[in-house]
PDB file of N, CA and C in Angstrom:
ATOM      1  N   LYS A   1     -67.478 -24.547  14.053  1.00  0.00           N
ATOM      2  CA  LYS A   1     -67.305 -24.880  12.718  1.00  0.00           C
ATOM      3  C   LYS A   1     -65.513 -24.178  12.700  1.00  0.00           C
ATOM      4  N   LEU A   2     -65.487 -22.530  13.213  1.00  0.00           N
ATOM      5  CA  LEU A   2     -64.251 -22.058  13.226  1.00  0.00           C
ATOM      6  C   LEU A   2     -63.272 -22.476  14.014  1.00  0.00           C
ATOM      7  N   TYR A   3     -63.829 -22.650  15.281  1.00  0.00           N
ATOM      8  CA  TYR A   3     -62.704 -23.932  15.995  1.00  0.00           C
ATOM      9  C   TYR A   3     -62.161 -24.895  15.338  1.00  0.00           C
ATOM     10  N   MET A   4     -62.712 -25.439  14.869  1.00  0.00           N
ATOM     11  CA  MET A   4     -62.307 -26.671  14.240  1.00  0.00           C
ATOM     12  C   MET A   4     -61.352 -26.411  13.405  1.00  0.00           C
ATOM     13  N   LEU A   5     -61.619 -25.610  12.271  1.00  0.00           N
ATOM     14  CA  LEU A   5     -60.596 -25.044  11.573  1.00  0.00           C
ATOM     15  C   LEU A   5     -59.502 -24.584  11.886  1.00  0.00           C
ATOM     16  N   LEU A   6     -59.683 -23.576  12.673  1.00  0.00           N
ATOM     17  CA  LEU A   6     -58.702 -23.080  13.851  1.00  0.00           C
ATOM     18  C   LEU A   6     -57.482 -24.287  14.384  1.00  0.00           C
ATOM     19  N   LYS A   7     -58.056 -25.376  14.778  1.00  0.00           N
ATOM     20  CA  LYS A   7     -57.773 -26.078  15.551  1.00  0.00           C
ATOM     21  C   LYS A   7     -56.640 -27.105  14.758  1.00  0.00           C
ATOM     22  N   ASN A   8     -57.284 -27.712  13.360  1.00  0.00           N
ATOM     23  CA  ASN A   8     -56.552 -28.275  12.256  1.00  0.00           C
ATOM     24  C   ASN A   8     -55.617 -27.303  11.917  1.00  0.00           C
ATOM     25  N   ARG A   9     -55.689 -25.895  11.838  1.00  0.00           N
ATOM     26  CA  ARG A   9     -54.802 -25.321  11.109  1.00  0.00           C
ATOM     27  C   ARG A   9     -53.490 -25.249  12.079  1.00  0.00           C
ATOM     28  N   THR A  10     -53.932 -24.957  13.460  1.00  0.00           N
ATOM     29  CA  THR A  10     -52.674 -25.054  14.760  1.00  0.00           C
ATOM     30  C   THR A  10     -51.863 -26.471  14.414  1.00  0.00           C
ATOM     31  N   GLU A  11     -52.458 -27.434  14.010  1.00  0.00           N
ATOM     32  CA  GLU A  11     -51.460 -29.029  14.206  1.00  0.00           C
ATOM     33  C   GLU A  11     -51.088 -28.924  12.767  1.00  0.00           C
ATOM     34  N   GLU A  12     -51.300 -28.069  11.461  1.00  0.00           N
ATOM     35  CA  GLU A  12     -50.905 -27.722  10.454  1.00  0.00           C
ATOM     36  C   GLU A  12     -49.457 -26.822  10.830  1.00  0.00           C
ATOM     37  N   SER A  13     -49.663 -26.038  11.701  1.00  0.00           N
ATOM     38  CA  SER A  13     -48.448 -24.782  11.797  1.00  0.00           C
ATOM     39  C   SER A  13     -48.941 -23.874  10.825  1.00  0.00           C
ATOM     40  N   SER A  14     -50.031 -23.284  10.792  1.00  0.00           N
ATOM     41  CA  SER A  14     -50.352 -22.341  10.086  1.00  0.00           C
ATOM     42  C   SER A  14     -51.045 -21.616  10.818  1.00  0.00           C
ATOM     43  N   VAL A  15     -50.942 -21.615  12.092  1.00  0.00           N
ATOM     44  CA  VAL A  15     -51.404 -20.487  12.916  1.00  0.00           C
ATOM     45  C   VAL A  15     -49.945 -20.176  13.526  1.00  0.00           C
ATOM     46  N   VAL A  16     -49.889 -18.617  13.775  1.00  0.00           N
ATOM     47  CA  VAL A  16     -48.571 -18.051  14.086  1.00  0.00           C
ATOM     48  C   VAL A  16     -49.014 -17.698  15.784  1.00  0.00           C
ATOM     49  N   SER A  17     -48.367 -18.236  16.470  1.00  0.00           N
ATOM     50  CA  SER A  17     -48.524 -17.167  17.486  1.00  0.00           C
ATOM     51  C   SER A  17     -47.409 -16.627  18.370  1.00  0.00           C
ATOM     52  N   HIS A  18     -47.962 -15.402  18.967  1.00  0.00           N
ATOM     53  CA  HIS A  18     -46.447 -14.647  19.541  1.00  0.00           C
ATOM     54  C   HIS A  18     -47.035 -14.246  20.371  1.00  0.00           C
ATOM     55  N   LEU A  19     -46.719 -14.220  21.811  1.00  0.00           N
ATOM     56  CA  LEU A  19     -46.534 -13.243  22.947  1.00  0.00           C
ATOM     57  C   LEU A  19     -48.398 -12.885  23.139  1.00  0.00           C
ATOM     58  N   GLY A  20     -48.930 -14.045  22.696  1.00  0.00           N
ATOM     59  CA  GLY A  20     -50.833 -13.845  23.229  1.00  0.00           C
ATOM     60  C   GLY A  20     -51.346 -13.701  21.943  1.00  0.00           C
ATOM     61  N   LEU A  21     -50.583 -13.407  20.973  1.00  0.00           N
ATOM     62  CA  LEU A  21     -51.083 -12.986  19.051  1.00  0.00           C
ATOM     63  C   LEU A  21     -51.554 -13.958  18.431  1.00  0.00           C
ATOM     64  N   GLY A  22     -52.292 -14.348  17.969  1.00  0.00           N
ATOM     65  CA  GLY A  22     -52.726 -15.176  17.118  1.00  0.00           C
ATOM     66  C   GLY A  22     -52.830 -14.824  15.786  1.00  0.00           C
ATOM     67  N   ILE A  23     -52.356 -15.415  14.711  1.00  0.00           N
ATOM     68  CA  ILE A  23     -52.496 -15.023  13.588  1.00  0.00           C
ATOM     69  C   ILE A  23     -52.796 -16.368  12.897  1.00  0.00           C
ATOM     70  N   PHE A  24     -54.069 -16.435  11.958  1.00  0.00           N
ATOM     71  CA  PHE A  24     -54.538 -17.331  11.017  1.00  0.00           C
ATOM     72  C   PHE A  24     -54.722 -16.658   9.705  1.00  0.00           C
ATOM     73  N   SER A  25     -53.964 -17.010   8.620  1.00  0.00           N
ATOM     74  CA  SER A  25     -54.226 -16.594   7.039  1.00  0.00           C
ATOM     75  C   SER A  25     -54.471 -17.447   6.154  1.00  0.00           C
ATOM     76  N   HIS A  26     -54.992 -17.155   5.284  1.00  0.00           N
ATOM     77  CA  HIS A  26     -55.468 -17.860   4.250  1.00  0.00           C
ATOM     78  C   HIS A  26     -55.650 -17.573   2.649  1.00  0.00           C
ATOM     79  N   MET A  27     -55.277 -18.004   1.879  1.00  0.00           N
ATOM     80  CA  MET A  27     -55.398 -17.281   0.424  1.00  0.00           C
ATOM     81  C   MET A  27     -57.141 -17.774   0.150  1.00  0.00           C
ATOM     82  N   VAL A  28     -57.619 -16.844  -0.612  1.00  0.00           N
ATOM     83  CA  VAL A  28     -58.970 -17.568  -0.941  1.00  0.00           C
ATOM     84  C   VAL A  28     -58.886 -17.337  -2.580  1.00  0.00           C
ATOM     85  N   GLU A  29     -60.147 -17.697  -2.988  1.00  0.00           N
ATOM     86  CA  GLU A  29     -59.940 -17.680  -4.544  1.00  0.00           C
ATOM     87  C   GLU A  29     -60.812 -16.394  -4.653  1.00  0.00           C
ATOM     88  N   GLY A  30     -61.002 -15.941  -6.259  1.00  0.00           N
ATOM     89  CA  GLY A  30     -61.418 -14.617  -6.445  1.00  0.00           C
ATOM     90  C   GLY A  30     -60.328 -13.805  -6.760  1.00  0.00           C
ATOM     91  N   ARG A  31     -60.882 -12.133  -6.970  1.00  0.00           N
ATOM     92  CA  ARG A  31     -59.860 -11.114  -6.925  1.00  0.00           C
ATOM     93  C   ARG A  31     -60.358 -10.154  -6.139  1.00  0.00           C
ATOM     94  N   ASP A  32     -59.487  -9.023  -5.906  1.00  0.00           N
ATOM     95  CA  ASP A  32     -59.637  -7.815  -5.213  1.00  0.00           C
ATOM     96  C   ASP A  32     -60.792  -8.032  -3.747  1.00  0.00           C
ATOM     97  N   PHE A  33     -60.039  -9.015  -3.062  1.00  0.00           N
ATOM     98  CA  PHE A  33     -60.390  -9.876  -2.063  1.00  0.00           C
ATOM     99  C   PHE A  33     -59.228  -9.514  -0.992  1.00  0.00           C
ATOM    100  N   PHE A  34     -59.613  -8.753   0.156  1.00  0.00           N
ATOM    101  CA  PHE A  34     -58.782  -8.795   1.253  1.00  0.00           C
ATOM    102  C   PHE A  34     -59.201  -8.214   2.646  1.00  0.00           C
ATOM    103  N   GLU A  35     -59.367  -8.705   3.665  1.00  0.00           N
ATOM    104  CA  GLU A  35     -60.274  -9.183   4.829  1.00  0.00           C
ATOM    105  C   GLU A  35     -59.117  -9.272   6.159  1.00  0.00           C
ATOM    106  N   ILE A  36     -59.366  -8.220   7.058  1.00  0.00           N
ATOM    107  CA  ILE A  36     -58.743  -8.658   8.643  1.00  0.00           C
ATOM    108  C   ILE A  36     -59.756  -8.757   9.559  1.00  0.00           C
ATOM    109  N   LEU A  37     -60.177  -9.871  10.030  1.00  0.00           N
ATOM    110  CA  LEU A  37     -61.282  -9.888  11.377  1.00  0.00           C
ATOM    111  C   LEU A  37     -59.952  -9.788  12.551  1.00  0.00           C
ATOM    112  N   LEU A  38     -60.545  -9.090  13.339  1.00  0.00           N
ATOM    113  CA  LEU A  38     -60.161  -8.894  14.816  1.00  0.00           C
ATOM    114  C   LEU A  38     -60.826  -9.705  15.974  1.00  0.00           C
ATOM    115  N   VAL A  39     -60.186 -10.294  16.515  1.00  0.00           N
ATOM    116  CA  VAL A  39     -61.039 -11.128  17.724  1.00  0.00           C
ATOM    117  C   VAL A  39     -60.168 -10.950  19.318  1.00  0.00           C
ATOM    118  N   ARG A  40     -60.682 -10.265  20.284  1.00  0.00           N
ATOM    119  CA  ARG A  40     -60.212 -10.081  21.403  1.00  0.00           C
ATOM    120  C   ARG A  40     -60.770 -11.405  22.376  1.00  0.00           C
ATOM    121  N   SER A  41     -59.769 -11.772  23.181  1.00  0.00           N
ATOM    122  CA  SER A  41     -60.948 -12.518  24.485  1.00  0.00           C
ATOM    123  C   SER A  41     -59.924 -12.541  25.675  1.00  0.00           C
ATOM    124  N   LYS A  42     -60.679 -11.420  26.552  1.00  0.00           N
ATOM    125  CA  LYS A  42     -59.806 -11.132  27.883  1.00  0.00           C
ATOM    126  C   LYS A  42     -59.540 -12.430  28.778  1.00  0.00           C
ATOM    127  N   LYS A  43     -59.991 -13.853  28.760  1.00  0.00           N
ATOM    128  CA  LYS A  43     -59.858 -14.592  29.339  1.00  0.00           C
ATOM    129  C   LYS A  43     -58.992 -15.632  28.387  1.00  0.00           C
ATOM    130  N   GLY A  44     -58.283 -15.482  27.164  1.00  0.00           N
ATOM    131  CA  GLY A  44     -57.619 -16.118  26.498  1.00  0.00           C
ATOM    132  C   GLY A  44     -58.288 -17.134  25.788  1.00  0.00           C
ATOM    133  N   ILE A  45     -57.941 -17.315  24.644  1.00  0.00           N
ATOM    134  CA  ILE A  45     -58.477 -18.376  23.757  1.00  0.00           C
ATOM    135  C   ILE A  45     -57.267 -19.488  23.628  1.00  0.00           C
ATOM    136  N   PHE A  46     -57.773 -20.619  23.826  1.00  0.00           N
ATOM    137  CA  PHE A  46     -56.865 -22.037  24.239  1.00  0.00           C
ATOM    138  C   PHE A  46     -57.169 -22.510  23.146  1.00  0.00           C
ATOM    139  N   ILE A  47     -56.178 -22.871  22.252  1.00  0.00           N
ATOM    140  CA  ILE A  47     -56.360 -23.440  20.650  1.00  0.00           C
ATOM    141  C   ILE A  47     -55.717 -24.925  20.752  1.00  0.00           C
ATOM    142  N   SER A  48     -54.459 -24.978  21.812  1.00  0.00           N
ATOM    143  CA  SER A  48     -53.937 -26.058  21.775  1.00  0.00           C
ATOM    144  C   SER A  48     -53.071 -26.200  23.190  1.00  0.00           C
ATOM    145  N   GLU A  49     -52.613 -27.151  23.568  1.00  0.00           N
ATOM    146  CA  GLU A  49     -51.709 -27.476  24.628  1.00  0.00           C
ATOM    147  C   GLU A  49     -50.463 -26.828  24.790  1.00  0.00           C
ATOM    148  N   ASP A  50     -50.219 -26.775  23.354  1.00  0.00           N
ATOM    149  CA  ASP A  50     -48.725 -26.211  22.851  1.00  0.00           C
ATOM    150  C   ASP A  50     -48.387 -25.015  22.848  1.00  0.00           C
ATOM    151  N   VAL A  51     -49.691 -24.116  23.111  1.00  0.00           N
ATOM    152  CA  VAL A  51     -49.886 -22.773  22.349  1.00  0.00           C
ATOM    153  C   VAL A  51     -50.056 -22.266  23.743  1.00  0.00           C
ATOM    154  N   GLU A  52     -49.702 -20.689  23.705  1.00  0.00           N
ATOM    155  CA  GLU A  52     -50.062 -20.199  25.065  1.00  0.00           C
ATOM    156  C   GLU A  52     -51.608 -19.319  24.808  1.00  0.00           C
ATOM    157  N   PRO A  53     -52.046 -18.927  25.744  1.00  0.00           N
ATOM    158  CA  PRO A  53     -53.378 -18.415  25.381  1.00  0.00           C
ATOM    159  C   PRO A  53     -53.651 -17.124  24.257  1.00  0.00           C
ATOM    160  N   LEU A  54     -54.309 -17.253  23.698  1.00  0.00           N
ATOM    161  CA  LEU A  54     -54.337 -15.959  22.786  1.00  0.00           C
ATOM    162  C   LEU A  54     -55.443 -14.791  23.390  1.00  0.00           C
ATOM    163  N   TYR A  55     -54.668 -13.675  23.360  1.00  0.00           N
ATOM    164  CA  TYR A  55     -55.663 -12.708  23.876  1.00  0.00           C
ATOM    165  C   TYR A  55     -56.300 -11.946  22.595  1.00  0.00           C
ATOM    166  N   ALA A  56     -55.323 -11.456  21.533  1.00  0.00           N
ATOM    167  CA  ALA A  56     -55.756 -11.034  20.180  1.00  0.00           C
ATOM    168  C   ALA A  56     -55.502 -12.096  19.256  1.00  0.00           C
ATOM    169  N   PHE A  57     -56.165 -11.850  18.396  1.00  0.00           N
ATOM    170  CA  PHE A  57     -56.424 -12.936  17.266  1.00  0.00           C
ATOM    171  C   PHE A  57     -56.759 -12.091  16.066  1.00  0.00           C
ATOM    172  N   PHE A  58     -55.655 -12.261  15.156  1.00  0.00           N
ATOM    173  CA  PHE A  58     -55.899 -11.821  13.501  1.00  0.00           C
ATOM    174  C   PHE A  58     -56.482 -12.988  12.775  1.00  0.00           C
ATOM    175  N   ILE A  59     -57.185 -12.542  11.801  1.00  0.00           N
ATOM    176  CA  ILE A  59     -57.611 -13.400  10.693  1.00  0.00           C
ATOM    177  C   ILE A  59     -57.534 -12.759   9.623  1.00  0.00           C
ATOM    178  N   VAL A  60     -56.586 -12.884   8.670  1.00  0.00           N
ATOM    179  CA  VAL A  60     -56.412 -12.209   7.317  1.00  0.00           C
ATOM    180  C   VAL A  60     -56.702 -13.269   6.244  1.00  0.00           C
ATOM    181  N   LEU A  61     -57.258 -12.687   5.524  1.00  0.00           N
ATOM    182  CA  LEU A  61     -58.075 -13.821   4.203  1.00  0.00           C
ATOM    183  C   LEU A  61     -57.803 -12.645   3.019  1.00  0.00           C
ATOM    184  N   SER A  62     -57.193 -13.299   1.858  1.00  0.00           N
ATOM    185  CA  SER A  62     -56.739 -12.576   0.618  1.00  0.00           C
ATOM    186  C   SER A  62     -56.905 -13.455   0.093  1.00  0.00           C
ATOM    187  N   SER A  63     -57.364 -12.707  -1.791  1.00  0.00           N
ATOM    188  CA  SER A  63     -56.958 -13.229  -2.884  1.00  0.00           C
ATOM    189  C   SER A  63     -55.259 -13.123  -3.350  1.00  0.00           C
ATOM    190  N   LYS A  64     -55.239 -14.211  -4.390  1.00  0.00           N
ATOM    191  CA  LYS A  64     -53.806 -14.183  -5.026  1.00  0.00           C
ATOM    192  C   LYS A  64     -53.407 -12.609  -5.310  1.00  0.00           C
ATOM    193  N   ASP A  65     -54.061 -12.224  -6.072  1.00  0.00           N
ATOM    194  CA  ASP A  65     -54.121 -10.860  -6.477  1.00  0.00           C
ATOM    195  C   ASP A  65     -53.296  -9.624  -5.483  1.00  0.00           C
ATOM    196  N   GLN A  66     -53.817 -10.180  -4.335  1.00  0.00           N
ATOM    197  CA  GLN A  66     -53.651  -8.961  -3.157  1.00  0.00           C
ATOM    198  C   GLN A  66     -52.425  -9.576  -2.415  1.00  0.00           C
ATOM    199  N   ARG A  67     -51.392 -10.601  -2.605  1.00  0.00           N
ATOM    200  CA  ARG A  67     -50.305 -11.143  -2.307  1.00  0.00           C
ATOM    201  C   ARG A  67     -49.138  -9.968  -1.294  1.00  0.00           C
ATOM    202  N   ASN A  68     -49.004  -9.141  -2.092  1.00  0.00           N
ATOM    203  CA  ASN A  68     -48.163  -7.949  -1.621  1.00  0.00           C
ATOM    204  C   ASN A  68     -49.102  -7.273  -0.138  1.00  0.00           C
ATOM    205  N   LEU A  69     -50.206  -6.872   0.019  1.00  0.00           N
ATOM    206  CA  LEU A  69     -50.698  -6.534   1.073  1.00  0.00           C
ATOM    207  C   LEU A  69     -50.721  -7.733   1.987  1.00  0.00           C
ATOM    208  N   TYR A  70     -51.170  -8.745   1.574  1.00  0.00           N
ATOM    209  CA  TYR A  70     -51.373  -9.596   2.643  1.00  0.00           C
ATOM    210  C   TYR A  70     -50.117 -10.093   3.060  1.00  0.00           C
ATOM    211  N   LEU A  71     -48.872 -10.323   2.314  1.00  0.00           N
ATOM    212  CA  LEU A  71     -47.575 -10.383   2.910  1.00  0.00           C
ATOM    213  C   LEU A  71     -47.048  -9.276   3.881  1.00  0.00           C
ATOM    214  N   HIS A  72     -47.378  -8.209   3.437  1.00  0.00           N
ATOM    215  CA  HIS A  72     -46.986  -6.876   4.216  1.00  0.00           C
ATOM    216  C   HIS A  72     -47.898  -6.988   5.858  1.00  0.00           C
ATOM    217  N   SER A  73     -49.070  -7.074   5.301  1.00  0.00           N
ATOM    218  CA  SER A  73     -49.997  -7.128   6.648  1.00  0.00           C
ATOM    219  C   SER A  73     -49.459  -8.393   7.618  1.00  0.00           C
ATOM    220  N   LEU A  74     -49.269  -9.531   7.267  1.00  0.00           N
ATOM    221  CA  LEU A  74     -48.815 -10.176   8.326  1.00  0.00           C
ATOM    222  C   LEU A  74     -47.598  -9.977   8.861  1.00  0.00           C
ATOM    223  N   MET A  75     -46.670  -9.451   8.274  1.00  0.00           N
ATOM    224  CA  MET A  75     -45.107  -8.968   9.011  1.00  0.00           C
ATOM    225  C   MET A  75     -45.263  -7.908  10.324  1.00  0.00           C
ATOM    226  N   TRP A  76     -46.554  -6.682   9.490  1.00  0.00           N
ATOM    227  CA  TRP A  76     -46.642  -5.568  10.335  1.00  0.00           C
ATOM    228  C   TRP A  76     -48.079  -6.269  11.634  1.00  0.00           C
ATOM    229  N   ILE A  77     -48.730  -7.406  11.656  1.00  0.00           N
ATOM    230  CA  ILE A  77     -49.462  -7.770  12.844  1.00  0.00           C
ATOM    231  C   ILE A  77     -47.885  -8.388  13.579  1.00  0.00           C
ATOM    232  N   VAL A  78     -46.731  -9.217  13.081  1.00  0.00           N
ATOM    233  CA  VAL A  78     -46.064  -9.666  14.427  1.00  0.00           C
ATOM    234  C   VAL A  78     -45.156  -8.502  14.829  1.00  0.00           C
ATOM    235  N   GLN A  79     -45.452  -7.320  14.261  1.00  0.00           N
ATOM    236  CA  GLN A  79     -44.237  -6.297  14.602  1.00  0.00           C
ATOM    237  C   GLN A  79     -45.246  -5.749  15.631  1.00  0.00           C
ATOM    238  N   LEU A  80     -46.460  -5.580  15.584  1.00  0.00           N
ATOM    239  CA  LEU A  80     -47.357  -4.713  16.325  1.00  0.00           C
ATOM    240  C   LEU A  80     -47.702  -5.818  17.530  1.00  0.00           C
ATOM    241  N   ALA A  81     -47.424  -7.057  17.364  1.00  0.00           N
ATOM    242  CA  ALA A  81     -47.322  -7.779  18.553  1.00  0.00           C
ATOM    243  C   ALA A  81     -46.289  -7.736  19.473  1.00  0.00           C
ATOM    244  N   GLU A  82     -45.290  -7.328  19.185  1.00  0.00           N
ATOM    245  CA  GLU A  82     -43.460  -7.215  19.896  1.00  0.00           C
ATOM    246  C   GLU A  82     -43.657  -5.541  20.370  1.00  0.00           C
ATOM    247  N   GLU A  83     -44.498  -4.877  20.418  1.00  0.00           N
ATOM    248  CA  GLU A  83     -44.735  -3.357  20.676  1.00  0.00           C
ATOM    249  C   GLU A  83     -44.774  -4.260  22.236  1.00  0.00           C
ATOM    250  N   CYS A  84     -44.409  -3.253  23.368  1.00  0.00           N
ATOM    251  CA  CYS A  84     -44.548  -3.598  24.531  1.00  0.00           C
ATOM    252  C   CYS A  84     -45.786  -3.324  24.934  1.00  0.00           C
ATOM    253  N   ARG A  85     -46.460  -2.233  24.717  1.00  0.00           N
ATOM    254  CA  ARG A  85     -47.511  -1.589  25.302  1.00  0.00           C
ATOM    255  C   ARG A  85     -48.836  -2.408  24.556  1.00  0.00           C
ATOM    256  N   PHE A  86     -48.732  -3.442  23.255  1.00  0.00           N
ATOM    257  CA  PHE A  86     -50.146  -3.666  22.903  1.00  0.00           C
ATOM    258  C   PHE A  86     -50.988  -4.448  23.419  1.00  0.00           C
ATOM    259  N   LYS A  87     -49.992  -5.309  24.329  1.00  0.00           N
ATOM    260  CA  LYS A  87     -51.041  -6.240  25.096  1.00  0.00           C
ATOM    261  C   LYS A  87     -51.653  -5.294  26.056  1.00  0.00           C
ATOM    262  N   ASP A  88     -51.064  -4.647  26.889  1.00  0.00           N
ATOM    263  CA  ASP A  88     -52.109  -3.982  27.661  1.00  0.00           C
ATOM    264  C   ASP A  88     -53.021  -3.088  27.236  1.00  0.00           C
ATOM    265  N   GLU A  89     -52.514  -2.347  26.159  1.00  0.00           N
ATOM    266  CA  GLU A  89     -53.674  -1.463  25.414  1.00  0.00           C
ATOM    267  C   GLU A  89     -54.830  -2.310  25.062  1.00  0.00           C
ATOM    268  N   TRP A  90     -54.639  -3.564  24.080  1.00  0.00           N
ATOM    269  CA  TRP A  90     -55.569  -4.264  23.782  1.00  0.00           C
ATOM    270  C   TRP A  90     -56.426  -4.920  24.708  1.00  0.00           C
ATOM    271  N   LEU A  91     -55.973  -5.357  25.715  1.00  0.00           N
ATOM    272  CA  LEU A  91     -57.043  -5.651  26.719  1.00  0.00           C
ATOM    273  C   LEU A  91     -57.545  -4.788  27.346  1.00  0.00           C
ATOM    274  N   ALA A  92     -57.278  -3.166  27.323  1.00  0.00           N
ATOM    275  CA  ALA A  92     -58.017  -2.358  28.346  1.00  0.00           C
ATOM    276  C   ALA A  92     -58.848  -1.705  27.364  1.00  0.00           C
ATOM    277  N   ALA A  93     -58.877  -1.978  25.758  1.00  0.00           N
ATOM    278  CA  ALA A  93     -59.588  -1.457  24.665  1.00  0.00           C
ATOM    279  C   ALA A  93     -61.510  -1.646  25.514  1.00  0.00           C
ATOM    280  N   LYS A  94     -62.239  -0.546  25.274  1.00  0.00           N
ATOM    281  CA  LYS A  94     -63.255  -0.652  25.874  1.00  0.00           C
ATOM    282  C   LYS A  94     -64.460  -1.390  25.242  1.00  0.00           C
ATOM    283  N   ASN A  95     -64.221  -1.022  23.976  1.00  0.00           N
ATOM    284  CA  ASN A  95     -65.177  -1.791  22.892  1.00  0.00           C
ATOM    285  C   ASN A  95     -64.624  -1.884  21.271  1.00  0.00           C
ATOM    286  N   ALA A  96     -65.251  -2.314  20.570  1.00  0.00           N
ATOM    287  CA  ALA A  96     -64.804  -2.456  19.271  1.00  0.00           C
ATOM    288  C   ALA A  96     -64.269  -1.047  18.623  1.00  0.00           C
ATOM    289  N   ASP A  97     -64.857  -0.399  18.958  1.00  0.00           N
ATOM    290  CA  ASP A  97     -64.449   1.234  18.165  1.00  0.00           C
ATOM    291  C   ASP A  97     -62.723   1.102  18.979  1.00  0.00           C
ATOM    292  N   GLU A  98     -62.566   1.054  19.784  1.00  0.00           N
ATOM    293  CA  GLU A  98     -61.260   1.153  20.422  1.00  0.00           C
ATOM    294  C   GLU A  98     -60.240   0.514  20.183  1.00  0.00           C
ATOM    295  N   LEU A  99     -61.010  -0.974  19.626  1.00  0.00           N
ATOM    296  CA  LEU A  99     -59.959  -1.764  19.506  1.00  0.00           C
ATOM    297  C   LEU A  99     -59.212  -1.865  17.842  1.00  0.00           C
ATOM    298  N   ARG A 100     -60.519  -1.103  17.242  1.00  0.00           N
ATOM    299  CA  ARG A 100     -60.433  -1.129  15.397  1.00  0.00           C
ATOM    300  C   ARG A 100     -59.035   0.420  15.909  1.00  0.00           C
ATOM    301  N   ASP A 101     -59.221   1.350  16.870  1.00  0.00           N
ATOM    302  CA  ASP A 101     -58.428   2.359  16.700  1.00  0.00           C
ATOM    303  C   ASP A 101     -57.154   2.208  17.285  1.00  0.00           C
ATOM    304  N   LEU A 102     -56.748   1.328  17.597  1.00  0.00           N
ATOM    305  CA  LEU A 102     -55.629   0.777  18.308  1.00  0.00           C
ATOM    306  C   LEU A 102     -54.829   0.499  16.926  1.00  0.00           C
ATOM    307  N   VAL A 103     -55.348  -0.482  16.485  1.00  0.00           N
ATOM    308  CA  VAL A 103     -54.792  -0.943  15.210  1.00  0.00           C
ATOM    309  C   VAL A 103     -54.720   0.014  14.082  1.00  0.00           C
ATOM    310  N   LEU A 104     -55.735   1.019  13.833  1.00  0.00           N
ATOM    311  CA  LEU A 104     -55.340   1.671  12.587  1.00  0.00           C
ATOM    312  C   LEU A 104     -54.629   2.855  13.118  1.00  0.00           C
ATOM    313  N   THR A 105     -54.655   3.344  14.604  1.00  0.00           N
ATOM    314  CA  THR A 105     -53.044   4.465  14.842  1.00  0.00           C
ATOM    315  C   THR A 105     -52.020   3.522  14.793  1.00  0.00           C
ATOM    316  N   ALA A 106     -51.805   2.327  14.951  1.00  0.00           N
ATOM    317  CA  ALA A 106     -50.193   1.712  14.926  1.00  0.00           C
ATOM    318  C   ALA A 106     -50.197   1.535  13.728  1.00  0.00           C
ATOM    319  N   TRP A 107     -50.898   0.900  12.493  1.00  0.00           N
ATOM    320  CA  TRP A 107     -50.564   0.879  11.088  1.00  0.00           C
ATOM    321  C   TRP A 107     -50.479   2.695  10.490  1.00  0.00           C
ATOM    322  N   LYS A 108     -50.774   3.109  11.110  1.00  0.00           N
ATOM    323  CA  LYS A 108     -50.800   4.905  10.304  1.00  0.00           C
ATOM    324  C   LYS A 108     -49.065   5.188  11.068  1.00  0.00           C
ATOM    325  N   GLU A 109     -48.917   4.932  11.808  1.00  0.00           N
ATOM    326  CA  GLU A 109     -47.537   5.141  12.459  1.00  0.00           C
ATOM    327  C   GLU A 109     -46.512   4.483  12.400  1.00  0.00           C
ATOM    328  N   ARG A 110     -46.864   3.356  12.066  1.00  0.00           N
ATOM    329  CA  ARG A 110     -45.951   2.433  10.981  1.00  0.00           C
ATOM    330  C   ARG A 110     -45.529   2.716   9.739  1.00  0.00           C
ATOM    331  N   LYS A 111     -46.504   3.196   8.815  1.00  0.00           N
ATOM    332  CA  LYS A 111     -46.656   3.885   7.625  1.00  0.00           C
ATOM    333  C   LYS A 111     -45.502   5.397   7.736  1.00  0.00           C
ATOM    334  N   GLU A 112     -45.560   5.480   8.619  1.00  0.00           N
ATOM    335  CA  GLU A 112     -44.879   7.324   8.738  1.00  0.00           C
ATOM    336  C   GLU A 112     -43.412   6.721   9.128  1.00  0.00           C
ATOM    337  N   TYR A 113     -42.972   5.523   9.071  1.00  0.00           N
ATOM    338  CA  TYR A 113     -41.575   5.409   9.261  1.00  0.00           C
ATOM    339  C   TYR A 113     -41.009   5.445   7.974  1.00  0.00           C
TER     340      TYR A 113
END
């Protein structure tokens, strides 16, 4: 079901992909809701013939009242993907804790600037 949703979103250009990273974002009903789901595939996720394989996939869901955080997070994820070491470190992480630490450390470093 998630694959079909992503495939349909790709056809509608709602999935951003850059350097092996994909971002699926969606506004949901309700209030005070913001979630990011991290997905890694060492072999790559092929969601379309026109899109390079995705090794990192971020699913960002937010309610409309969290719009500022939502937009800021999308920009930050794209910036993260552009860092030369991100893909190598993402693929080298040994487990979910290391993936989470990689993302949180990058978030903290960005906020310090």
